[in-house]
């Protein structure tokens, strides 16, 4: 099991806000386009699957991520 606590939080970059949370021991991210990019897409809800202690694969992002 991966300790997600150090990774939980919000990161704001130009045009996007990425929020990482933990739900029942599973990582989850919301990738939101903001400012001038806000009309590119609805927020993407992504389940994070650990590959290693610091690397995750994302699923559930829809067509933007070719489904799974």
N, C-alpha and C. Protein backbone atom coordinates (compact mmCIF):
# COMPACT_ATOMS: atom_id res chain seq x y z
N UNK A 1 0.84 -1.18 0.00
CA UNK A 1 0.00 0.00 0.00
C UNK A 1 0.89 1.25 0.00
N UNK A 2 0.52 2.23 -0.78
CA UNK A 2 1.28 3.46 -0.92
C UNK A 2 0.71 4.52 0.02
N UNK A 3 1.59 5.24 0.72
CA UNK A 3 1.18 6.34 1.58
C UNK A 3 0.91 7.56 0.71
N UNK A 4 -0.35 7.91 0.55
CA UNK A 4 -0.73 9.04 -0.30
C UNK A 4 -0.64 10.39 0.41
N UNK A 5 -0.54 10.39 1.73
CA UNK A 5 -0.57 11.64 2.50
C UNK A 5 0.39 12.71 1.97
N UNK A 6 1.63 12.38 1.61
CA UNK A 6 2.53 13.43 1.12
C UNK A 6 2.14 13.99 -0.25
N UNK A 7 1.27 13.28 -0.96
CA UNK A 7 0.90 13.68 -2.31
C UNK A 7 -0.43 14.43 -2.37
N UNK A 8 -1.20 14.40 -1.29
CA UNK A 8 -2.50 15.04 -1.25
C UNK A 8 -2.34 16.55 -1.23
N UNK A 9 -3.15 17.22 -2.05
CA UNK A 9 -3.11 18.68 -2.07
C UNK A 9 -3.49 19.20 -3.44
N UNK A 10 -3.25 20.50 -3.64
CA UNK A 10 -3.62 21.18 -4.88
C UNK A 10 -2.39 21.83 -5.49
N UNK A 11 -2.26 21.65 -6.79
CA UNK A 11 -1.16 22.27 -7.54
C UNK A 11 -1.79 23.11 -8.64
N UNK A 12 -1.44 24.39 -8.66
CA UNK A 12 -1.96 25.29 -9.69
C UNK A 12 -0.83 25.63 -10.65
N UNK A 13 -1.09 25.42 -11.92
CA UNK A 13 -0.14 25.78 -12.98
C UNK A 13 -0.89 26.67 -13.97
N UNK A 14 -0.19 27.25 -14.88
CA UNK A 14 -0.86 28.10 -15.85
C UNK A 14 -1.91 27.30 -16.61
N UNK A 15 -3.17 27.68 -16.42
CA UNK A 15 -4.26 27.06 -17.16
C UNK A 15 -4.88 25.83 -16.53
N UNK A 16 -4.27 25.27 -15.48
CA UNK A 16 -4.85 24.07 -14.85
C UNK A 16 -4.68 24.08 -13.33
N UNK A 17 -5.61 23.40 -12.68
CA UNK A 17 -5.51 23.14 -11.24
C UNK A 17 -5.67 21.64 -11.08
N UNK A 18 -4.72 21.00 -10.40
CA UNK A 18 -4.76 19.56 -10.16
C UNK A 18 -4.92 19.35 -8.65
N UNK A 19 -5.97 18.66 -8.27
CA UNK A 19 -6.22 18.39 -6.86
C UNK A 19 -6.16 16.88 -6.63
N UNK A 20 -5.29 16.46 -5.72
CA UNK A 20 -5.14 15.04 -5.39
C UNK A 20 -5.72 14.82 -4.00
N UNK A 21 -6.59 13.81 -3.89
CA UNK A 21 -7.20 13.44 -2.62
C UNK A 21 -7.07 11.94 -2.43
N UNK A 22 -7.41 11.52 -1.22
CA UNK A 22 -7.44 10.09 -0.91
C UNK A 22 -8.86 9.72 -0.53
N UNK A 23 -9.39 8.68 -1.16
CA UNK A 23 -10.74 8.20 -0.87
C UNK A 23 -10.66 6.73 -0.49
N UNK A 24 -10.94 6.41 0.74
CA UNK A 24 -10.91 5.01 1.19
C UNK A 24 -9.62 4.30 0.82
N UNK A 25 -8.48 4.99 0.98
CA UNK A 25 -7.19 4.40 0.70
C UNK A 25 -6.77 4.42 -0.76
N UNK A 26 -7.60 5.01 -1.61
CA UNK A 26 -7.31 5.07 -3.04
C UNK A 26 -7.08 6.52 -3.46
N UNK A 27 -6.09 6.74 -4.31
CA UNK A 27 -5.81 8.09 -4.80
C UNK A 27 -6.80 8.52 -5.86
N UNK A 28 -7.10 9.80 -5.86
CA UNK A 28 -8.03 10.37 -6.83
C UNK A 28 -7.52 11.77 -7.20
N UNK A 29 -7.64 12.12 -8.47
CA UNK A 29 -7.23 13.45 -8.91
C UNK A 29 -8.35 14.10 -9.71
N UNK A 30 -8.45 15.40 -9.56
CA UNK A 30 -9.34 16.21 -10.40
C UNK A 30 -8.44 17.18 -11.15
N UNK A 31 -8.51 17.12 -12.48
CA UNK A 31 -7.70 17.97 -13.36
C UNK A 31 -8.65 18.97 -13.98
N UNK A 32 -8.53 20.24 -13.58
CA UNK A 32 -9.45 21.28 -14.04
C UNK A 32 -8.72 22.32 -14.89
N UNK A 33 -9.31 22.65 -16.01
CA UNK A 33 -8.80 23.74 -16.82
C UNK A 33 -9.38 25.04 -16.26
N UNK A 34 -8.54 26.07 -16.14
CA UNK A 34 -8.96 27.34 -15.55
C UNK A 34 -8.46 28.50 -16.41
N UNK A 35 -8.89 29.69 -16.01
CA UNK A 35 -8.49 30.93 -16.67
C UNK A 35 -8.79 30.86 -18.17
N UNK A 36 -7.87 31.15 -19.02
CA UNK A 36 -8.09 31.17 -20.46
C UNK A 36 -8.34 29.80 -21.06
N UNK A 37 -8.09 28.74 -20.30
CA UNK A 37 -8.28 27.37 -20.81
C UNK A 37 -9.55 26.72 -20.27
N UNK A 38 -10.35 27.48 -19.50
CA UNK A 38 -11.49 26.89 -18.79
C UNK A 38 -12.53 26.26 -19.70
N UNK A 39 -12.60 26.64 -20.95
CA UNK A 39 -13.60 26.08 -21.87
C UNK A 39 -13.08 24.87 -22.65
N UNK A 40 -11.88 24.42 -22.38
CA UNK A 40 -11.31 23.27 -23.10
C UNK A 40 -12.03 21.98 -22.76
N UNK A 41 -12.41 21.81 -21.50
CA UNK A 41 -13.00 20.54 -21.07
C UNK A 41 -13.63 20.72 -19.70
N UNK A 42 -14.59 19.87 -19.40
CA UNK A 42 -15.10 19.76 -18.03
C UNK A 42 -13.96 19.20 -17.18
N UNK A 43 -14.00 19.35 -15.86
CA UNK A 43 -12.97 18.75 -15.02
C UNK A 43 -12.88 17.24 -15.25
N UNK A 44 -11.68 16.73 -15.26
CA UNK A 44 -11.45 15.30 -15.45
C UNK A 44 -11.29 14.64 -14.08
N UNK A 45 -12.07 13.62 -13.82
CA UNK A 45 -12.00 12.85 -12.58
C UNK A 45 -11.16 11.61 -12.87
N UNK A 46 -10.06 11.44 -12.15
CA UNK A 46 -9.09 10.39 -12.46
C UNK A 46 -8.78 9.57 -11.21
N UNK A 47 -8.98 8.25 -11.29
CA UNK A 47 -8.55 7.36 -10.22
C UNK A 47 -7.07 7.07 -10.41
N UNK A 48 -6.32 7.12 -9.33
CA UNK A 48 -4.87 6.93 -9.39
C UNK A 48 -4.51 5.52 -8.92
N UNK A 49 -3.87 4.77 -9.80
CA UNK A 49 -3.46 3.39 -9.50
C UNK A 49 -1.94 3.40 -9.32
N UNK A 50 -1.45 3.02 -8.12
CA UNK A 50 -0.01 3.07 -7.89
C UNK A 50 0.75 2.07 -8.75
N UNK A 51 1.82 2.57 -9.37
CA UNK A 51 2.76 1.74 -10.13
C UNK A 51 3.99 1.52 -9.26
N UNK A 52 4.36 2.56 -8.51
CA UNK A 52 5.43 2.50 -7.52
C UNK A 52 5.04 3.48 -6.41
N UNK A 53 5.94 3.75 -5.50
CA UNK A 53 5.64 4.67 -4.39
C UNK A 53 5.41 6.11 -4.86
N UNK A 54 5.92 6.46 -6.03
CA UNK A 54 5.80 7.84 -6.52
C UNK A 54 5.28 7.95 -7.95
N UNK A 55 4.90 6.83 -8.55
CA UNK A 55 4.40 6.84 -9.93
C UNK A 55 3.01 6.21 -9.94
N UNK A 56 2.07 6.89 -10.62
CA UNK A 56 0.69 6.43 -10.69
C UNK A 56 0.21 6.41 -12.13
N UNK A 57 -0.67 5.45 -12.42
CA UNK A 57 -1.39 5.44 -13.68
C UNK A 57 -2.77 6.01 -13.40
N UNK A 58 -3.35 6.71 -14.36
CA UNK A 58 -4.66 7.31 -14.16
C UNK A 58 -5.71 6.64 -15.02
N UNK A 59 -6.87 6.35 -14.42
CA UNK A 59 -7.98 5.78 -15.16
C UNK A 59 -9.23 6.59 -14.88
N UNK A 60 -10.20 6.46 -15.76
CA UNK A 60 -11.49 7.12 -15.54
C UNK A 60 -11.57 8.51 -16.10
N UNK A 61 -10.56 8.96 -16.85
CA UNK A 61 -10.56 10.31 -17.40
C UNK A 61 -11.40 10.46 -18.64
N UNK A 62 -11.98 9.38 -19.13
CA UNK A 62 -12.83 9.46 -20.31
C UNK A 62 -12.00 9.51 -21.59
N UNK A 63 -12.59 10.04 -22.62
CA UNK A 63 -11.97 10.05 -23.94
C UNK A 63 -10.61 10.76 -23.97
N UNK A 64 -10.44 11.74 -23.09
CA UNK A 64 -9.17 12.47 -23.05
C UNK A 64 -8.01 11.53 -22.70
N UNK A 65 -8.32 10.44 -22.04
CA UNK A 65 -7.30 9.47 -21.66
C UNK A 65 -7.54 8.14 -22.36
N UNK A 66 -8.25 8.17 -23.49
CA UNK A 66 -8.59 6.95 -24.23
C UNK A 66 -9.25 5.94 -23.31
N UNK A 67 -10.27 6.42 -22.58
CA UNK A 67 -11.00 5.62 -21.58
C UNK A 67 -10.02 5.15 -20.52
N UNK A 68 -9.84 3.84 -20.27
CA UNK A 68 -8.91 3.37 -19.25
C UNK A 68 -7.49 3.36 -19.80
